[in-house]
Amino acid sequence: MNGFILDSRLASDCHQLGRVDNSLLLLMDNSLVPWLILVPMLDVTEFHELEHDVQLQLLEQINLLSAYLKHEFALDKINVAAIGNIVRQMHIHVVGRSEQDFCWPNVVWGAEGRKAYTEQEVGDISSSLINRLGDRFIPYPQG
């Protein structure tokens, strides 16, 4: 984990909420959909390149965040993806979708429509992650 640097595009598009185990947890700065991103703090670009135990831990993190989103938001679907065509750094999108969201049923990637989170909203999400995930989530100071 030494020397880990977050891709500049992820850094500019997201709020850094903290860590879940050995992964950085980001919140896409678009309050139109609840959209979390896990970034394993490793120098790997493809899922199959991860050691098996790291794959299992990442899968557990995805399940944990999917359950969190389902519990906290009125959702019809959870989308999980690791595309990486533009941002090569390994990262996993966990996106909550509802039939009422701004681009349903189309994909959120590249969709026109954006509403930035307020500092209060980011703080509220961080607090709810602390309550739901306990010591699995290590928050970063916001602001």
C-alpha atoms as a PDB file:
ATOM      1  CA  MET A   1       0.000   0.000   0.000  1.00  0.00           C
ATOM      2  CA  ASN A   2       3.032   2.281   0.231  1.00  0.00           C
ATOM      3  CA  GLY A   3       3.148   4.793  -2.573  1.00  0.00           C
ATOM      4  CA  PHE A   4      -0.516   4.347  -3.514  1.00  0.00           C
ATOM      5  CA  ILE A   5      -1.746   7.284  -5.601  1.00  0.00           C
ATOM      6  CA  LEU A   6      -5.385   7.669  -6.582  1.00  0.00           C
ATOM      7  CA  ASP A   7      -5.954   8.258 -10.290  1.00  0.00           C
ATOM      8  CA  SER A   8      -6.468  11.986 -10.895  1.00  0.00           C
ATOM      9  CA  ARG A   9      -9.798  11.490 -12.650  1.00  0.00           C
ATOM     10  CA  LEU A  10     -11.240   9.527  -9.724  1.00  0.00           C
ATOM     11  CA  ALA A  11      -9.840  12.146  -7.350  1.00  0.00           C
ATOM     12  CA  SER A  12     -11.517  14.991  -9.235  1.00  0.00           C
ATOM     13  CA  ASP A  13     -14.878  13.229  -9.773  1.00  0.00           C
ATOM     14  CA  CYS A  14     -15.333  11.846  -6.260  1.00  0.00           C
ATOM     15  CA  HIS A  15     -15.318  12.514  -2.534  1.00  0.00           C
ATOM     16  CA  GLN A  16     -12.818  10.373  -0.646  1.00  0.00           C
ATOM     17  CA  LEU A  17     -14.921   8.983   2.196  1.00  0.00           C
ATOM     18  CA  GLY A  18     -12.338   6.700   3.784  1.00  0.00           C
ATOM     19  CA  ARG A  19     -11.339   3.047   3.663  1.00  0.00           C
ATOM     20  CA  VAL A  20     -13.101  -0.278   3.822  1.00  0.00           C
ATOM     21  CA  ASP A  21     -10.419  -2.769   4.779  1.00  0.00           C
ATOM     22  CA  ASN A  22      -7.623  -2.313   2.216  1.00  0.00           C
ATOM     23  CA  SER A  23      -9.724  -0.385  -0.324  1.00  0.00           C
ATOM     24  CA  LEU A  24     -10.291   3.324  -0.669  1.00  0.00           C
ATOM     25  CA  LEU A  25     -14.010   4.191  -0.619  1.00  0.00           C
ATOM     26  CA  LEU A  26     -15.148   7.001  -2.890  1.00  0.00           C
ATOM     27  CA  LEU A  27     -18.500   8.695  -3.422  1.00  0.00           C
ATOM     28  CA  MET A  28     -19.148   9.859  -6.989  1.00  0.00           C
ATOM     29  CA  ASP A  29     -20.002  13.555  -6.748  1.00  0.00           C
ATOM     30  CA  ASN A  30     -23.446  13.187  -8.301  1.00  0.00           C
ATOM     31  CA  SER A  31     -26.305  13.078  -5.830  1.00  0.00           C
ATOM     32  CA  LEU A  32     -28.745  12.018  -8.568  1.00  0.00           C
ATOM     33  CA  VAL A  33     -27.753   8.385  -7.895  1.00  0.00           C
ATOM     34  CA  PRO A  34     -26.091   6.751  -4.868  1.00  0.00           C
ATOM     35  CA  TRP A  35     -22.760   5.747  -6.412  1.00  0.00           C
ATOM     36  CA  LEU A  36     -19.855   4.305  -4.450  1.00  0.00           C
ATOM     37  CA  ILE A  37     -16.477   3.279  -5.822  1.00  0.00           C
ATOM     38  CA  LEU A  38     -14.019   0.848  -4.235  1.00  0.00           C
ATOM     39  CA  VAL A  39     -10.356   1.259  -5.173  1.00  0.00           C
ATOM     40  CA  PRO A  40      -8.088  -1.537  -3.943  1.00  0.00           C
ATOM     41  CA  MET A  41      -4.898   0.134  -2.770  1.00  0.00           C
ATOM     42  CA  LEU A  42      -2.729  -2.077  -4.973  1.00  0.00           C
ATOM     43  CA  ASP A  43      -0.824  -1.667  -8.215  1.00  0.00           C
ATOM     44  CA  VAL A  44      -3.111  -3.949 -10.247  1.00  0.00           C
ATOM     45  CA  THR A  45      -5.377  -3.071 -13.173  1.00  0.00           C
ATOM     46  CA  GLU A  46      -7.383  -6.261 -13.726  1.00  0.00           C
ATOM     47  CA  PHE A  47      -9.533  -8.267 -11.329  1.00  0.00           C
ATOM     48  CA  HIS A  48      -8.013 -11.577 -12.427  1.00  0.00           C
ATOM     49  CA  GLU A  49      -4.555 -10.233 -11.508  1.00  0.00           C
ATOM     50  CA  LEU A  50      -5.528  -9.941  -7.847  1.00  0.00           C
ATOM     51  CA  GLU A  51      -4.496 -12.724  -5.503  1.00  0.00           C
ATOM     52  CA  HIS A  52      -7.404 -15.039  -4.731  1.00  0.00           C
ATOM     53  CA  ASP A  53      -7.764 -13.909  -1.108  1.00  0.00           C
ATOM     54  CA  VAL A  54      -7.798 -10.255  -2.247  1.00  0.00           C
ATOM     55  CA  GLN A  55     -10.510 -11.096  -4.801  1.00  0.00           C
ATOM     56  CA  LEU A  56     -12.603 -12.656  -2.030  1.00  0.00           C
ATOM     57  CA  GLN A  57     -12.070  -9.658   0.235  1.00  0.00           C
ATOM     58  CA  LEU A  58     -13.083  -7.294  -2.586  1.00  0.00           C
ATOM     59  CA  LEU A  59     -16.195  -9.378  -3.256  1.00  0.00           C
ATOM     60  CA  GLU A  60     -17.064  -9.144   0.438  1.00  0.00           C
ATOM     61  CA  GLN A  61     -16.629  -5.354   0.287  1.00  0.00           C
ATOM     62  CA  ILE A  62     -18.902  -5.176  -2.780  1.00  0.00           C
ATOM     63  CA  ASN A  63     -21.555  -7.218  -0.972  1.00  0.00           C
ATOM     64  CA  LEU A  64     -21.252  -5.036   2.115  1.00  0.00           C
ATOM     65  CA  LEU A  65     -21.670  -1.810   0.123  1.00  0.00           C
ATOM     66  CA  SER A  66     -24.501  -3.258  -1.974  1.00  0.00           C
ATOM     67  CA  ALA A  67     -26.398  -4.145   1.205  1.00  0.00           C
ATOM     68  CA  TYR A  68     -25.644  -0.684   2.616  1.00  0.00           C
ATOM     69  CA  LEU A  69     -27.081   1.044  -0.482  1.00  0.00           C
ATOM     70  CA  LYS A  70     -30.187  -1.176  -0.485  1.00  0.00           C
ATOM     71  CA  HIS A  71     -30.749  -0.410   3.211  1.00  0.00           C
ATOM     72  CA  GLU A  72     -30.177   3.358   3.008  1.00  0.00           C
ATOM     73  CA  PHE A  73     -31.859   4.249  -0.295  1.00  0.00           C
ATOM     74  CA  ALA A  74     -35.103   3.325  -2.067  1.00  0.00           C
ATOM     75  CA  LEU A  75     -33.587   1.241  -4.869  1.00  0.00           C
ATOM     76  CA  ASP A  76     -34.806  -1.170  -7.501  1.00  0.00           C
ATOM     77  CA  LYS A  77     -31.378  -2.418  -8.583  1.00  0.00           C
ATOM     78  CA  ILE A  78     -27.702  -2.454  -7.650  1.00  0.00           C
ATOM     79  CA  ASN A  79     -25.226  -2.253 -10.539  1.00  0.00           C
ATOM     80  CA  VAL A  80     -21.665  -3.465  -9.983  1.00  0.00           C
ATOM     81  CA  ALA A  81     -19.004  -2.894 -12.625  1.00  0.00           C
ATOM     82  CA  ALA A  82     -15.260  -2.787 -13.185  1.00  0.00           C
ATOM     83  CA  ILE A  83     -14.813  -1.444 -16.683  1.00  0.00           C
ATOM     84  CA  GLY A  84     -11.608   0.616 -16.586  1.00  0.00           C
ATOM     85  CA  ASN A  85     -11.378   1.681 -20.218  1.00  0.00           C
ATOM     86  CA  ILE A  86     -10.806   5.336 -19.333  1.00  0.00           C
ATOM     87  CA  VAL A  87      -9.447   5.039 -15.780  1.00  0.00           C
ATOM     88  CA  ARG A  88      -7.049   2.098 -15.818  1.00  0.00           C
ATOM     89  CA  GLN A  89      -6.567   1.962 -12.045  1.00  0.00           C
ATOM     90  CA  MET A  90      -8.504  -0.981 -10.589  1.00  0.00           C
ATOM     91  CA  HIS A  91     -11.812   0.314  -9.248  1.00  0.00           C
ATOM     92  CA  ILE A  92     -15.259  -1.153  -8.733  1.00  0.00           C
ATOM     93  CA  HIS A  93     -18.459   0.853  -9.159  1.00  0.00           C
ATOM     94  CA  VAL A  94     -21.371   0.003  -6.840  1.00  0.00           C
ATOM     95  CA  VAL A  95     -24.320   2.052  -8.088  1.00  0.00           C
ATOM     96  CA  GLY A  96     -27.815   2.161  -6.642  1.00  0.00           C
ATOM     97  CA  ARG A  97     -30.516   2.509  -9.295  1.00  0.00           C
ATOM     98  CA  SER A  98     -34.218   3.189  -9.140  1.00  0.00           C
ATOM     99  CA  GLU A  99     -36.836   3.485 -11.839  1.00  0.00           C
ATOM    100  CA  GLN A 100     -37.215   7.132 -10.794  1.00  0.00           C
ATOM    101  CA  ASP A 101     -33.564   8.106 -11.232  1.00  0.00           C
ATOM    102  CA  PHE A 102     -32.470  10.628 -13.831  1.00  0.00           C
ATOM    103  CA  CYS A 103     -31.353   8.208 -16.552  1.00  0.00           C
ATOM    104  CA  TRP A 104     -33.259   4.958 -15.864  1.00  0.00           C
ATOM    105  CA  PRO A 105     -33.045   2.445 -17.497  1.00  0.00           C
ATOM    106  CA  ASN A 106     -29.924   3.614 -19.307  1.00  0.00           C
ATOM    107  CA  VAL A 107     -26.398   3.455 -17.892  1.00  0.00           C
ATOM    108  CA  VAL A 108     -25.109   6.205 -15.608  1.00  0.00           C
ATOM    109  CA  TRP A 109     -21.701   6.394 -17.311  1.00  0.00           C
ATOM    110  CA  GLY A 110     -21.622   9.444 -19.537  1.00  0.00           C
ATOM    111  CA  ALA A 111     -25.266  10.320 -18.846  1.00  0.00           C
ATOM    112  CA  GLU A 112     -25.997  14.020 -18.862  1.00  0.00           C
ATOM    113  CA  GLY A 113     -27.268  15.075 -15.500  1.00  0.00           C
ATOM    114  CA  ARG A 114     -25.347  15.974 -12.409  1.00  0.00           C
ATOM    115  CA  LYS A 115     -26.026  17.493  -9.021  1.00  0.00           C
ATOM    116  CA  ALA A 116     -23.046  17.860  -6.694  1.00  0.00           C
ATOM    117  CA  TYR A 117     -23.348  16.749  -3.093  1.00  0.00           C
ATOM    118  CA  THR A 118     -23.308  19.369  -0.359  1.00  0.00           C
ATOM    119  CA  GLU A 119     -20.746  18.997   2.426  1.00  0.00           C
ATOM    120  CA  GLN A 120     -23.649  18.149   4.749  1.00  0.00           C
ATOM    121  CA  GLU A 121     -24.854  15.347   2.464  1.00  0.00           C
ATOM    122  CA  VAL A 122     -21.348  13.874   2.227  1.00  0.00           C
ATOM    123  CA  GLY A 123     -21.066  14.036   6.022  1.00  0.00           C
ATOM    124  CA  ASP A 124     -24.456  12.354   6.420  1.00  0.00           C
ATOM    125  CA  ILE A 125     -23.435   9.508   4.104  1.00  0.00           C
ATOM    126  CA  SER A 126     -20.142   9.089   5.961  1.00  0.00           C
ATOM    127  CA  SER A 127     -22.027   8.963   9.284  1.00  0.00           C
ATOM    128  CA  SER A 128     -24.468   6.373   7.965  1.00  0.00           C
ATOM    129  CA  LEU A 129     -21.538   4.255   6.734  1.00  0.00           C
ATOM    130  CA  ILE A 130     -20.015   4.417  10.219  1.00  0.00           C
ATOM    131  CA  ASN A 131     -23.335   3.320  11.741  1.00  0.00           C
ATOM    132  CA  ARG A 132     -23.917   0.523   9.240  1.00  0.00           C
ATOM    133  CA  LEU A 133     -20.380  -0.798   8.660  1.00  0.00           C
ATOM    134  CA  GLY A 134     -18.890  -0.181  12.097  1.00  0.00           C
ATOM    135  CA  ASP A 135     -15.127  -0.584  12.328  1.00  0.00           C
ATOM    136  CA  ARG A 136     -14.923  -1.978   8.765  1.00  0.00           C
ATOM    137  CA  PHE A 137     -15.200   1.642   7.595  1.00  0.00           C
ATOM    138  CA  ILE A 138     -12.426   4.051   8.535  1.00  0.00           C
ATOM    139  CA  PRO A 139     -13.640   7.558   7.612  1.00  0.00           C
ATOM    140  CA  TYR A 140     -11.442  10.377   6.354  1.00  0.00           C
ATOM    141  CA  PRO A 141     -12.050  13.904   7.652  1.00  0.00           C
ATOM    142  CA  GLN A 142     -14.481  15.745   5.362  1.00  0.00           C
ATOM    143  CA  GLY A 143     -14.366  19.343   4.231  1.00  0.00           C
END
